[in-house]
Amino acid sequence: MDPEIKIRFDNLEKKLDLILLLLENDVKPNCNKMSSHIDFIDTVYENVKNPLGFICSKVNYLRSDAGNYSLDDKNDLS
């Protein structure tokens, strides 16, 4: 094999090893952290969504009644 090709091949192999090392040591643990964070958010959402939905529906109900106010007396039809 040509010595120049051998050197280039060795350099490529070193770069590939470095990429694999980075993937195994940096990317994989960070993906695991993100996965556990997503699981945490899903759990919190499952625990909060029903009470939050109840509060939102009550606020919307009160807002719809509050939107029908008038400065005039309702008994005064003149």
C-alpha atoms as a PDB file:
ATOM      1  CA  MET A   1       0.000   0.000   0.000  1.00  0.00           C
ATOM      2  CA  ASP A   2       1.159   3.499  -0.802  1.00  0.00           C
ATOM      3  CA  PRO A   3       2.636   5.198   2.327  1.00  0.00           C
ATOM      4  CA  GLU A   4       0.600   8.361   1.763  1.00  0.00           C
ATOM      5  CA  ILE A   5      -2.638   6.376   1.574  1.00  0.00           C
ATOM      6  CA  LYS A   6      -1.643   4.500   4.713  1.00  0.00           C
ATOM      7  CA  ILE A   7      -1.078   7.783   6.580  1.00  0.00           C
ATOM      8  CA  ARG A   8      -4.399   9.189   5.388  1.00  0.00           C
ATOM      9  CA  PHE A   9      -6.151   5.967   6.354  1.00  0.00           C
ATOM     10  CA  ASP A  10      -4.613   6.091   9.843  1.00  0.00           C
ATOM     11  CA  ASN A  11      -5.676   9.734  10.237  1.00  0.00           C
ATOM     12  CA  LEU A  12      -9.225   8.884   9.218  1.00  0.00           C
ATOM     13  CA  GLU A  13      -9.269   5.981  11.627  1.00  0.00           C
ATOM     14  CA  LYS A  14      -8.112   8.252  14.480  1.00  0.00           C
ATOM     15  CA  LYS A  15     -10.806  10.794  13.637  1.00  0.00           C
ATOM     16  CA  LEU A  16     -13.423   8.077  13.540  1.00  0.00           C
ATOM     17  CA  ASP A  17     -12.265   6.788  16.933  1.00  0.00           C
ATOM     18  CA  LEU A  18     -12.526  10.314  18.323  1.00  0.00           C
ATOM     19  CA  ILE A  19     -16.063  10.681  16.968  1.00  0.00           C
ATOM     20  CA  LEU A  20     -17.086   7.368  18.511  1.00  0.00           C
ATOM     21  CA  LEU A  21     -15.541   8.375  21.815  1.00  0.00           C
ATOM     22  CA  LEU A  22     -17.464  11.655  21.806  1.00  0.00           C
ATOM     23  CA  LEU A  23     -20.713   9.886  20.959  1.00  0.00           C
ATOM     24  CA  GLU A  24     -20.298   7.363  23.736  1.00  0.00           C
ATOM     25  CA  ASN A  25     -19.090   9.780  26.423  1.00  0.00           C
ATOM     26  CA  ASP A  26     -20.946  13.015  25.645  1.00  0.00           C
ATOM     27  CA  VAL A  27     -23.995  12.457  23.512  1.00  0.00           C
ATOM     28  CA  LYS A  28     -25.313   9.267  25.071  1.00  0.00           C
ATOM     29  CA  PRO A  29     -25.303  10.522  28.702  1.00  0.00           C
ATOM     30  CA  ASN A  30     -26.879  13.812  27.623  1.00  0.00           C
ATOM     31  CA  CYS A  31     -29.611  11.919  25.784  1.00  0.00           C
ATOM     32  CA  ASN A  32     -30.248   9.894  28.930  1.00  0.00           C
ATOM     33  CA  LYS A  33     -30.491  13.111  30.969  1.00  0.00           C
ATOM     34  CA  MET A  34     -32.952  14.573  28.478  1.00  0.00           C
ATOM     35  CA  SER A  35     -34.995  11.387  28.543  1.00  0.00           C
ATOM     36  CA  SER A  36     -35.263  11.495  32.335  1.00  0.00           C
ATOM     37  CA  HIS A  37     -36.206  15.188  32.150  1.00  0.00           C
ATOM     38  CA  ILE A  38     -38.972  14.423  29.647  1.00  0.00           C
ATOM     39  CA  ASP A  39     -40.262  11.645  31.911  1.00  0.00           C
ATOM     40  CA  PHE A  40     -40.300  14.089  34.840  1.00  0.00           C
ATOM     41  CA  ILE A  41     -42.248  16.692  32.841  1.00  0.00           C
ATOM     42  CA  ASP A  42     -44.760  14.058  31.708  1.00  0.00           C
ATOM     43  CA  THR A  43     -45.297  12.955  35.312  1.00  0.00           C
ATOM     44  CA  VAL A  44     -45.786  16.526  36.522  1.00  0.00           C
ATOM     45  CA  TYR A  45     -48.202  17.235  33.670  1.00  0.00           C
ATOM     46  CA  GLU A  46     -50.251  14.128  34.452  1.00  0.00           C
ATOM     47  CA  ASN A  47     -50.569  15.261  38.085  1.00  0.00           C
ATOM     48  CA  VAL A  48     -51.394  18.888  37.273  1.00  0.00           C
ATOM     49  CA  LYS A  49     -53.585  18.726  34.172  1.00  0.00           C
ATOM     50  CA  ASN A  50     -56.909  17.905  35.883  1.00  0.00           C
ATOM     51  CA  PRO A  51     -56.727  20.559  38.633  1.00  0.00           C
ATOM     52  CA  LEU A  52     -55.432  23.080  36.100  1.00  0.00           C
ATOM     53  CA  GLY A  53     -58.252  22.216  33.700  1.00  0.00           C
ATOM     54  CA  PHE A  54     -60.776  22.684  36.505  1.00  0.00           C
ATOM     55  CA  ILE A  55     -59.347  26.100  37.389  1.00  0.00           C
ATOM     56  CA  CYS A  56     -59.253  27.181  33.745  1.00  0.00           C
ATOM     57  CA  SER A  57     -62.866  26.155  33.164  1.00  0.00           C
ATOM     58  CA  LYS A  58     -63.970  28.055  36.281  1.00  0.00           C
ATOM     59  CA  VAL A  59     -62.052  31.160  35.233  1.00  0.00           C
ATOM     60  CA  ASN A  60     -63.528  30.978  31.736  1.00  0.00           C
ATOM     61  CA  TYR A  61     -66.997  30.561  33.225  1.00  0.00           C
ATOM     62  CA  LEU A  62     -66.497  33.619  35.425  1.00  0.00           C
ATOM     63  CA  ARG A  63     -65.042  35.599  32.538  1.00  0.00           C
ATOM     64  CA  SER A  64     -68.037  34.878  30.320  1.00  0.00           C
ATOM     65  CA  ASP A  65     -70.409  36.147  33.040  1.00  0.00           C
ATOM     66  CA  ALA A  66     -68.178  39.146  33.698  1.00  0.00           C
ATOM     67  CA  GLY A  67     -68.282  40.060  30.007  1.00  0.00           C
ATOM     68  CA  ASN A  68     -72.069  40.598  30.118  1.00  0.00           C
ATOM     69  CA  TYR A  69     -72.097  43.522  32.536  1.00  0.00           C
ATOM     70  CA  SER A  70     -73.745  46.825  31.859  1.00  0.00           C
ATOM     71  CA  LEU A  71     -73.510  50.259  33.450  1.00  0.00           C
ATOM     72  CA  ASP A  72     -77.287  50.686  33.154  1.00  0.00           C
ATOM     73  CA  ASP A  73     -79.711  49.314  35.701  1.00  0.00           C
ATOM     74  CA  LYS A  74     -81.207  46.084  34.328  1.00  0.00           C
ATOM     75  CA  ASN A  75     -84.607  46.916  35.869  1.00  0.00           C
ATOM     76  CA  ASP A  76     -84.772  50.246  34.044  1.00  0.00           C
ATOM     77  CA  LEU A  77     -86.177  49.329  30.600  1.00  0.00           C
ATOM     78  CA  SER A  78     -87.041  52.889  29.489  1.00  0.00           C
END
